[in-house]
PDB file of N, CA and C in Angstrom:
ATOM      1  N   MET A   1       0.207  -7.474  14.887  1.00  0.00           N
ATOM      2  CA  MET A   1       0.150  -6.648  13.706  1.00  0.00           C
ATOM      3  C   MET A   1       0.141  -7.557  12.481  1.00  0.00           C
ATOM      4  N   LYS A   2      -0.753  -7.274  11.537  1.00  0.00           N
ATOM      5  CA  LYS A   2      -0.866  -8.100  10.331  1.00  0.00           C
ATOM      6  C   LYS A   2       0.085  -7.583   9.262  1.00  0.00           C
ATOM      7  N   ARG A   3       0.490  -8.496   8.361  1.00  0.00           N
ATOM      8  CA  ARG A   3       1.456  -8.112   7.325  1.00  0.00           C
ATOM      9  C   ARG A   3       1.222  -8.898   6.045  1.00  0.00           C
ATOM     10  N   THR A   4       1.749  -8.376   4.969  1.00  0.00           N
ATOM     11  CA  THR A   4       1.700  -9.056   3.677  1.00  0.00           C
ATOM     12  C   THR A   4       3.038  -9.742   3.436  1.00  0.00           C
ATOM     13  N   SER A   5       3.080 -10.548   2.413  1.00  0.00           N
ATOM     14  CA  SER A   5       4.367 -11.035   1.926  1.00  0.00           C
ATOM     15  C   SER A   5       5.010  -9.869   1.172  1.00  0.00           C
ATOM     16  N   ALA A   6       6.203 -10.049   0.664  1.00  0.00           N
ATOM     17  CA  ALA A   6       6.855  -8.987  -0.108  1.00  0.00           C
ATOM     18  C   ALA A   6       6.049  -8.737  -1.386  1.00  0.00           C
ATOM     19  N   LEU A   7       5.646  -7.494  -1.579  1.00  0.00           N
ATOM     20  CA  LEU A   7       4.867  -7.107  -2.753  1.00  0.00           C
ATOM     21  C   LEU A   7       5.742  -6.322  -3.719  1.00  0.00           C
ATOM     22  N   ARG A   8       5.584  -6.573  -4.997  1.00  0.00           N
ATOM     23  CA  ARG A   8       6.279  -5.782  -6.011  1.00  0.00           C
ATOM     24  C   ARG A   8       5.658  -4.396  -6.027  1.00  0.00           C
ATOM     25  N   THR A   9       6.472  -3.354  -6.059  1.00  0.00           N
ATOM     26  CA  THR A   9       5.939  -1.994  -6.062  1.00  0.00           C
ATOM     27  C   THR A   9       5.905  -1.441  -7.476  1.00  0.00           C
ATOM     28  N   LEU A  10       4.790  -0.810  -7.802  1.00  0.00           N
ATOM     29  CA  LEU A  10       4.598  -0.193  -9.104  1.00  0.00           C
ATOM     30  C   LEU A  10       4.251   1.273  -8.891  1.00  0.00           C
ATOM     31  N   CYS A  11       4.921   2.160  -9.592  1.00  0.00           N
ATOM     32  CA  CYS A  11       4.615   3.582  -9.515  1.00  0.00           C
ATOM     33  C   CYS A  11       3.514   3.878 -10.529  1.00  0.00           C
ATOM     34  N   ARG A  12       2.396   4.434 -10.066  1.00  0.00           N
ATOM     35  CA  ARG A  12       1.273   4.803 -10.928  1.00  0.00           C
ATOM     36  C   ARG A  12       1.040   6.301 -10.795  1.00  0.00           C
ATOM     37  N   PRO A  13       1.645   7.093 -11.693  1.00  0.00           N
ATOM     38  CA  PRO A  13       1.536   8.549 -11.599  1.00  0.00           C
ATOM     39  C   PRO A  13       0.096   9.071 -11.588  1.00  0.00           C
ATOM     40  N   GLY A  14      -0.869   8.351 -12.117  1.00  0.00           N
ATOM     41  CA  GLY A  14      -2.254   8.800 -12.139  1.00  0.00           C
ATOM     42  C   GLY A  14      -2.955   8.749 -10.782  1.00  0.00           C
ATOM     43  N   LEU A  15      -2.366   8.069  -9.804  1.00  0.00           N
ATOM     44  CA  LEU A  15      -2.972   7.982  -8.473  1.00  0.00           C
ATOM     45  C   LEU A  15      -2.820   9.306  -7.739  1.00  0.00           C
ATOM     46  N   GLY A  16      -3.767   9.590  -6.844  1.00  0.00           N
ATOM     47  CA  GLY A  16      -3.654  10.774  -6.000  1.00  0.00           C
ATOM     48  C   GLY A  16      -2.383  10.702  -5.167  1.00  0.00           C
ATOM     49  N   ALA A  17      -1.855  11.838  -4.756  1.00  0.00           N
ATOM     50  CA  ALA A  17      -0.579  11.903  -4.039  1.00  0.00           C
ATOM     51  C   ALA A  17      -0.589  11.108  -2.744  1.00  0.00           C
ATOM     52  N   ASP A  18      -1.759  10.917  -2.157  1.00  0.00           N
ATOM     53  CA  ASP A  18      -1.844  10.224  -0.869  1.00  0.00           C
ATOM     54  C   ASP A  18      -2.541   8.867  -1.005  1.00  0.00           C
ATOM     55  N   GLN A  19      -2.344   8.197  -2.129  1.00  0.00           N
ATOM     56  CA  GLN A  19      -3.094   6.967  -2.386  1.00  0.00           C
ATOM     57  C   GLN A  19      -2.176   5.815  -2.769  1.00  0.00           C
ATOM     58  N   LEU A  20      -2.550   4.613  -2.315  1.00  0.00           N
ATOM     59  CA  LEU A  20      -1.929   3.400  -2.812  1.00  0.00           C
ATOM     60  C   LEU A  20      -3.012   2.356  -3.005  1.00  0.00           C
ATOM     61  N   SER A  21      -2.776   1.455  -3.944  1.00  0.00           N
ATOM     62  CA  SER A  21      -3.752   0.409  -4.273  1.00  0.00           C
ATOM     63  C   SER A  21      -3.113  -0.953  -4.107  1.00  0.00           C
ATOM     64  N   ILE A  22      -3.923  -1.899  -3.627  1.00  0.00           N
ATOM     65  CA  ILE A  22      -3.493  -3.282  -3.529  1.00  0.00           C
ATOM     66  C   ILE A  22      -4.644  -4.178  -3.968  1.00  0.00           C
ATOM     67  N   HIS A  23      -4.320  -5.405  -4.325  1.00  0.00           N
ATOM     68  CA  HIS A  23      -5.348  -6.375  -4.702  1.00  0.00           C
ATOM     69  C   HIS A  23      -6.115  -6.779  -3.440  1.00  0.00           C
ATOM     70  N   PRO A  24      -7.419  -7.039  -3.542  1.00  0.00           N
ATOM     71  CA  PRO A  24      -8.198  -7.441  -2.359  1.00  0.00           C
ATOM     72  C   PRO A  24      -7.634  -8.654  -1.611  1.00  0.00           C
ATOM     73  N   ASN A  25      -7.021  -9.602  -2.303  1.00  0.00           N
ATOM     74  CA  ASN A  25      -6.435 -10.755  -1.607  1.00  0.00           C
ATOM     75  C   ASN A  25      -5.282 -10.334  -0.703  1.00  0.00           C
ATOM     76  N   ASP A  26      -4.489  -9.350  -1.154  1.00  0.00           N
ATOM     77  CA  ASP A  26      -3.410  -8.831  -0.316  1.00  0.00           C
ATOM     78  C   ASP A  26      -3.989  -8.004   0.828  1.00  0.00           C
ATOM     79  N   GLY A  27      -5.099  -7.310   0.578  1.00  0.00           N
ATOM     80  CA  GLY A  27      -5.782  -6.572   1.635  1.00  0.00           C
ATOM     81  C   GLY A  27      -6.315  -7.511   2.708  1.00  0.00           C
ATOM     82  N   PHE A  28      -6.786  -8.685   2.298  1.00  0.00           N
ATOM     83  CA  PHE A  28      -7.282  -9.681   3.249  1.00  0.00           C
ATOM     84  C   PHE A  28      -6.187 -10.065   4.243  1.00  0.00           C
ATOM     85  N   ASP A  29      -4.938 -10.165   3.762  1.00  0.00           N
ATOM     86  CA  ASP A  29      -3.809 -10.486   4.646  1.00  0.00           C
ATOM     87  C   ASP A  29      -3.655  -9.441   5.754  1.00  0.00           C
ATOM     88  N   LEU A  30      -4.084  -8.209   5.472  1.00  0.00           N
ATOM     89  CA  LEU A  30      -3.986  -7.120   6.444  1.00  0.00           C
ATOM     90  C   LEU A  30      -5.263  -6.963   7.275  1.00  0.00           C
ATOM     91  N   GLY A  31      -6.268  -7.785   6.993  1.00  0.00           N
ATOM     92  CA  GLY A  31      -7.539  -7.672   7.693  1.00  0.00           C
ATOM     93  C   GLY A  31      -8.459  -6.633   7.092  1.00  0.00           C
ATOM     94  N   MET A  32      -8.168  -6.195   5.883  1.00  0.00           N
ATOM     95  CA  MET A  32      -8.986  -5.187   5.195  1.00  0.00           C
ATOM     96  C   MET A  32     -10.055  -5.893   4.373  1.00  0.00           C
ATOM     97  N   MET A  33     -11.308  -5.513   4.567  1.00  0.00           N
ATOM     98  CA  MET A  33     -12.416  -6.177   3.877  1.00  0.00           C
ATOM     99  C   MET A  33     -13.236  -5.235   3.001  1.00  0.00           C
ATOM    100  N   THR A  34     -13.197  -3.928   3.246  1.00  0.00           N
ATOM    101  CA  THR A  34     -13.945  -2.978   2.422  1.00  0.00           C
ATOM    102  C   THR A  34     -13.008  -2.361   1.396  1.00  0.00           C
ATOM    103  N   THR A  35     -13.531  -1.502   0.527  1.00  0.00           N
ATOM    104  CA  THR A  35     -12.744  -1.047  -0.618  1.00  0.00           C
ATOM    105  C   THR A  35     -11.788   0.112  -0.349  1.00  0.00           C
ATOM    106  N   VAL A  36     -12.040   0.945   0.659  1.00  0.00           N
ATOM    107  CA  VAL A  36     -11.180   2.101   0.910  1.00  0.00           C
ATOM    108  C   VAL A  36     -10.920   2.242   2.412  1.00  0.00           C
ATOM    109  N   TYR A  37      -9.675   2.514   2.760  1.00  0.00           N
ATOM    110  CA  TYR A  37      -9.280   2.717   4.151  1.00  0.00           C
ATOM    111  C   TYR A  37      -8.485   4.005   4.283  1.00  0.00           C
ATOM    112  N   ALA A  38      -8.853   4.839   5.229  1.00  0.00           N
ATOM    113  CA  ALA A  38      -8.058   6.006   5.592  1.00  0.00           C
ATOM    114  C   ALA A  38      -7.040   5.525   6.618  1.00  0.00           C
ATOM    115  N   VAL A  39      -5.775   5.718   6.335  1.00  0.00           N
ATOM    116  CA  VAL A  39      -4.702   5.248   7.210  1.00  0.00           C
ATOM    117  C   VAL A  39      -3.689   6.366   7.419  1.00  0.00           C
ATOM    118  N   GLU A  40      -2.858   6.158   8.392  1.00  0.00           N
ATOM    119  CA  GLU A  40      -1.689   7.004   8.624  1.00  0.00           C
ATOM    120  C   GLU A  40      -0.497   6.169   8.207  1.00  0.00           C
ATOM    121  N   ILE A  41       0.227   6.596   7.171  1.00  0.00           N
ATOM    122  CA  ILE A  41       1.405   5.855   6.727  1.00  0.00           C
ATOM    123  C   ILE A  41       2.599   6.370   7.516  1.00  0.00           C
ATOM    124  N   GLU A  42       3.257   5.473   8.216  1.00  0.00           N
ATOM    125  CA  GLU A  42       4.422   5.836   9.016  1.00  0.00           C
ATOM    126  C   GLU A  42       5.472   6.498   8.128  1.00  0.00           C
ATOM    127  N   GLY A  43       5.824   7.729   8.443  1.00  0.00           N
ATOM    128  CA  GLY A  43       6.827   8.461   7.686  1.00  0.00           C
ATOM    129  C   GLY A  43       6.294   9.241   6.501  1.00  0.00           C
ATOM    130  N   ALA A  44       4.987   9.150   6.215  1.00  0.00           N
ATOM    131  CA  ALA A  44       4.443   9.853   5.043  1.00  0.00           C
ATOM    132  C   ALA A  44       3.142  10.592   5.332  1.00  0.00           C
ATOM    133  N   GLY A  45       2.508  10.334   6.458  1.00  0.00           N
ATOM    134  CA  GLY A  45       1.281  11.044   6.813  1.00  0.00           C
ATOM    135  C   GLY A  45       0.016  10.326   6.384  1.00  0.00           C
ATOM    136  N   PRO A  46      -1.109  11.067   6.394  1.00  0.00           N
ATOM    137  CA  PRO A  46      -2.404  10.455   6.066  1.00  0.00           C
ATOM    138  C   PRO A  46      -2.480  10.034   4.596  1.00  0.00           C
ATOM    139  N   ALA A  47      -3.181   8.923   4.370  1.00  0.00           N
ATOM    140  CA  ALA A  47      -3.316   8.397   3.014  1.00  0.00           C
ATOM    141  C   ALA A  47      -4.551   7.522   2.932  1.00  0.00           C
ATOM    142  N   HIS A  48      -4.840   7.061   1.717  1.00  0.00           N
ATOM    143  CA  HIS A  48      -5.954   6.148   1.480  1.00  0.00           C
ATOM    144  C   HIS A  48      -5.435   4.892   0.791  1.00  0.00           C
ATOM    145  N   VAL A  49      -5.845   3.749   1.315  1.00  0.00           N
ATOM    146  CA  VAL A  49      -5.546   2.461   0.686  1.00  0.00           C
ATOM    147  C   VAL A  49      -6.817   2.013  -0.004  1.00  0.00           C
ATOM    148  N   LYS A  50      -6.702   1.685  -1.278  1.00  0.00           N
ATOM    149  CA  LYS A  50      -7.844   1.177  -2.038  1.00  0.00           C
ATOM    150  C   LYS A  50      -7.579  -0.265  -2.429  1.00  0.00           C
ATOM    151  N   LEU A  51      -8.592  -1.111  -2.220  1.00  0.00           N
ATOM    152  CA  LEU A  51      -8.518  -2.489  -2.667  1.00  0.00           C
ATOM    153  C   LEU A  51      -9.140  -2.536  -4.059  1.00  0.00           C
ATOM    154  N   VAL A  52      -8.339  -2.877  -5.047  1.00  0.00           N
ATOM    155  CA  VAL A  52      -8.746  -2.785  -6.446  1.00  0.00           C
ATOM    156  C   VAL A  52      -8.462  -4.101  -7.159  1.00  0.00           C
ATOM    157  N   ASN A  53      -9.490  -4.710  -7.727  1.00  0.00           N
ATOM    158  CA  ASN A  53      -9.307  -5.974  -8.453  1.00  0.00           C
ATOM    159  C   ASN A  53      -8.353  -5.836  -9.624  1.00  0.00           C
ATOM    160  N   GLU A  54      -8.279  -4.661 -10.224  1.00  0.00           N
ATOM    161  CA  GLU A  54      -7.403  -4.452 -11.382  1.00  0.00           C
ATOM    162  C   GLU A  54      -5.925  -4.383 -10.998  1.00  0.00           C
ATOM    163  N   CYS A  55      -5.621  -4.194  -9.740  1.00  0.00           N
ATOM    164  CA  CYS A  55      -4.232  -4.197  -9.279  1.00  0.00           C
ATOM    165  C   CYS A  55      -3.742  -5.644  -9.308  1.00  0.00           C
ATOM    166  N   PRO A  56      -2.602  -5.908  -9.926  1.00  0.00           N
ATOM    167  CA  PRO A  56      -2.105  -7.290  -9.971  1.00  0.00           C
ATOM    168  C   PRO A  56      -1.884  -7.850  -8.558  1.00  0.00           C
ATOM    169  N   ARG A  57      -2.121  -9.147  -8.405  1.00  0.00           N
ATOM    170  CA  ARG A  57      -1.853  -9.789  -7.114  1.00  0.00           C
ATOM    171  C   ARG A  57      -0.372  -9.714  -6.796  1.00  0.00           C
ATOM    172  N   ASP A  58      -0.065  -9.665  -5.517  1.00  0.00           N
ATOM    173  CA  ASP A  58       1.311  -9.581  -5.024  1.00  0.00           C
ATOM    174  C   ASP A  58       2.030  -8.330  -5.502  1.00  0.00           C
ATOM    175  N   CYS A  59       1.264  -7.272  -5.757  1.00  0.00           N
ATOM    176  CA  CYS A  59       1.813  -5.973  -6.146  1.00  0.00           C
ATOM    177  C   CYS A  59       1.100  -4.878  -5.356  1.00  0.00           C
ATOM    178  N   MET A  60       1.744  -3.744  -5.238  1.00  0.00           N
ATOM    179  CA  MET A  60       1.064  -2.565  -4.741  1.00  0.00           C
ATOM    180  C   MET A  60       1.387  -1.420  -5.678  1.00  0.00           C
ATOM    181  N   GLU A  61       0.385  -0.611  -5.926  1.00  0.00           N
ATOM    182  CA  GLU A  61       0.540   0.551  -6.795  1.00  0.00           C
ATOM    183  C   GLU A  61       0.610   1.777  -5.903  1.00  0.00           C
ATOM    184  N   LEU A  62       1.716   2.504  -6.015  1.00  0.00           N
ATOM    185  CA  LEU A  62       1.939   3.697  -5.212  1.00  0.00           C
ATOM    186  C   LEU A  62       1.853   4.940  -6.069  1.00  0.00           C
ATOM    187  N   SER A  63       1.397   6.028  -5.464  1.00  0.00           N
ATOM    188  CA  SER A  63       1.465   7.317  -6.157  1.00  0.00           C
ATOM    189  C   SER A  63       2.944   7.659  -6.341  1.00  0.00           C
ATOM    190  N   GLN A  64       3.226   8.546  -7.251  1.00  0.00           N
ATOM    191  CA  GLN A  64       4.612   8.922  -7.497  1.00  0.00           C
ATOM    192  C   GLN A  64       5.247   9.512  -6.238  1.00  0.00           C
ATOM    193  N   ARG A  65       4.493  10.301  -5.469  1.00  0.00           N
ATOM    194  CA  ARG A  65       5.020  10.908  -4.247  1.00  0.00           C
ATOM    195  C   ARG A  65       5.434   9.836  -3.239  1.00  0.00           C
ATOM    196  N   LEU A  66       4.567   8.842  -3.008  1.00  0.00           N
ATOM    197  CA  LEU A  66       4.896   7.783  -2.054  1.00  0.00           C
ATOM    198  C   LEU A  66       6.033   6.896  -2.570  1.00  0.00           C
ATOM    199  N   TYR A  67       6.024   6.609  -3.862  1.00  0.00           N
ATOM    200  CA  TYR A  67       7.074   5.790  -4.463  1.00  0.00           C
ATOM    201  C   TYR A  67       8.445   6.431  -4.236  1.00  0.00           C
ATOM    202  N   GLU A  68       8.533   7.720  -4.471  1.00  0.00           N
ATOM    203  CA  GLU A  68       9.796   8.432  -4.277  1.00  0.00           C
ATOM    204  C   GLU A  68      10.124   8.580  -2.792  1.00  0.00           C
ATOM    205  N   LYS A  69       9.119   8.821  -1.961  1.00  0.00           N
ATOM    206  CA  LYS A  69       9.313   8.990  -0.517  1.00  0.00           C
ATOM    207  C   LYS A  69       9.976   7.759   0.098  1.00  0.00           C
ATOM    208  N   PHE A  70       9.625   6.569  -0.382  1.00  0.00           N
ATOM    209  CA  PHE A  70      10.185   5.338   0.169  1.00  0.00           C
ATOM    210  C   PHE A  70      11.369   4.811  -0.633  1.00  0.00           C
ATOM    211  N   GLY A  71      11.966   5.654  -1.465  1.00  0.00           N
ATOM    212  CA  GLY A  71      13.213   5.304  -2.146  1.00  0.00           C
ATOM    213  C   GLY A  71      13.070   4.442  -3.380  1.00  0.00           C
ATOM    214  N   LYS A  72      11.922   4.479  -4.039  1.00  0.00           N
ATOM    215  CA  LYS A  72      11.677   3.718  -5.270  1.00  0.00           C
ATOM    216  C   LYS A  72      12.000   2.225  -5.101  1.00  0.00           C
ATOM    217  N   PRO A  73      11.413   1.588  -4.082  1.00  0.00           N
ATOM    218  CA  PRO A  73      11.744   0.174  -3.840  1.00  0.00           C
ATOM    219  C   PRO A  73      11.168  -0.734  -4.912  1.00  0.00           C
ATOM    220  N   SER A  74      11.847  -1.845  -5.167  1.00  0.00           N
ATOM    221  CA  SER A  74      11.307  -2.823  -6.119  1.00  0.00           C
ATOM    222  C   SER A  74      10.268  -3.710  -5.431  1.00  0.00           C
ATOM    223  N   HIS A  75      10.451  -3.955  -4.125  1.00  0.00           N
ATOM    224  CA  HIS A  75       9.525  -4.757  -3.329  1.00  0.00           C
ATOM    225  C   HIS A  75       9.384  -4.129  -1.945  1.00  0.00           C
ATOM    226  N   ALA A  76       8.247  -4.355  -1.319  1.00  0.00           N
ATOM    227  CA  ALA A  76       8.027  -3.862   0.043  1.00  0.00           C
ATOM    228  C   ALA A  76       7.010  -4.752   0.747  1.00  0.00           C
ATOM    229  N   VAL A  77       7.105  -4.781   2.061  1.00  0.00           N
ATOM    230  CA  VAL A  77       6.152  -5.487   2.911  1.00  0.00           C
ATOM    231  C   VAL A  77       5.275  -4.434   3.569  1.00  0.00           C
ATOM    232  N   LEU A  78       3.973  -4.688   3.623  1.00  0.00           N
ATOM    233  CA  LEU A  78       3.055  -3.803   4.327  1.00  0.00           C
ATOM    234  C   LEU A  78       2.718  -4.421   5.672  1.00  0.00           C
ATOM    235  N   ARG A  79       2.741  -3.611   6.728  1.00  0.00           N
ATOM    236  CA  ARG A  79       2.276  -4.024   8.049  1.00  0.00           C
ATOM    237  C   ARG A  79       1.192  -3.045   8.463  1.00  0.00           C
ATOM    238  N   TYR A  80       0.144  -3.559   9.116  1.00  0.00           N
ATOM    239  CA  TYR A  80      -1.018  -2.729   9.458  1.00  0.00           C
ATOM    240  C   TYR A  80      -1.513  -3.092  10.847  1.00  0.00           C
ATOM    241  N   ASP A  81      -1.681  -2.069  11.688  1.00  0.00           N
ATOM    242  CA  ASP A  81      -2.150  -2.309  13.050  1.00  0.00           C
ATOM    243  C   ASP A  81      -3.595  -1.870  13.276  1.00  0.00           C
ATOM    244  N   GLY A  82      -4.306  -1.562  12.205  1.00  0.00           N
ATOM    245  CA  GLY A  82      -5.684  -1.115  12.312  1.00  0.00           C
ATOM    246  C   GLY A  82      -5.845   0.378  12.102  1.00  0.00           C
ATOM    247  N   ASN A  83      -4.778   1.138  12.275  1.00  0.00           N
ATOM    248  CA  ASN A  83      -4.779   2.584  12.037  1.00  0.00           C
ATOM    249  C   ASN A  83      -3.570   3.024  11.230  1.00  0.00           C
ATOM    250  N   ARG A  84      -2.433   2.507  11.598  1.00  0.00           N
ATOM    251  CA  ARG A  84      -1.180   2.929  10.982  1.00  0.00           C
ATOM    252  C   ARG A  84      -0.663   1.850  10.041  1.00  0.00           C
ATOM    253  N   LEU A  85      -0.227   2.281   8.851  1.00  0.00           N
ATOM    254  CA  LEU A  85       0.313   1.383   7.836  1.00  0.00           C
ATOM    255  C   LEU A  85       1.815   1.639   7.737  1.00  0.00           C
ATOM    256  N   TYR A  86       2.567   0.579   7.751  1.00  0.00           N
ATOM    257  CA  TYR A  86       4.019   0.662   7.629  1.00  0.00           C
ATOM    258  C   TYR A  86       4.417   0.062   6.290  1.00  0.00           C
ATOM    259  N   ILE A  87       5.228   0.796   5.541  1.00  0.00           N
ATOM    260  CA  ILE A  87       5.779   0.303   4.269  1.00  0.00           C
ATOM    261  C   ILE A  87       7.249   0.033   4.505  1.00  0.00           C
ATOM    262  N   GLU A  88       7.636  -1.224   4.409  1.00  0.00           N
ATOM    263  CA  GLU A  88       9.017  -1.623   4.662  1.00  0.00           C
ATOM    264  C   GLU A  88       9.665  -2.117   3.374  1.00  0.00           C
ATOM    265  N   PRO A  89      10.472  -1.257   2.717  1.00  0.00           N
ATOM    266  CA  PRO A  89      11.167  -1.703   1.500  1.00  0.00           C
ATOM    267  C   PRO A  89      12.044  -2.906   1.790  1.00  0.00           C
ATOM    268  N   CYS A  90      12.090  -3.816   0.830  1.00  0.00           N
ATOM    269  CA  CYS A  90      12.954  -4.991   1.006  1.00  0.00           C
ATOM    270  C   CYS A  90      13.585  -5.389  -0.322  1.00  0.00           C
TER     271      CYS A  90
END
């Protein structure tokens, strides 16, 4: 299973309820090469991950729903097995 280093989490209320964004370099760590991925987030259901150059490196932007669902973490590690995405607050 591929994983990122600890990423700073940012709440972006303008994102769709089932969306999170990461920088393409952080997506590369997960084996993601295209711009949008439909994933199943463990504990939160179906979602979309977008690789966005405007997202700061070593950060992830979460929708307000996901940010609150995972306890408003300051940092989290992402793990990805090709279908399911795990968000591990740290």
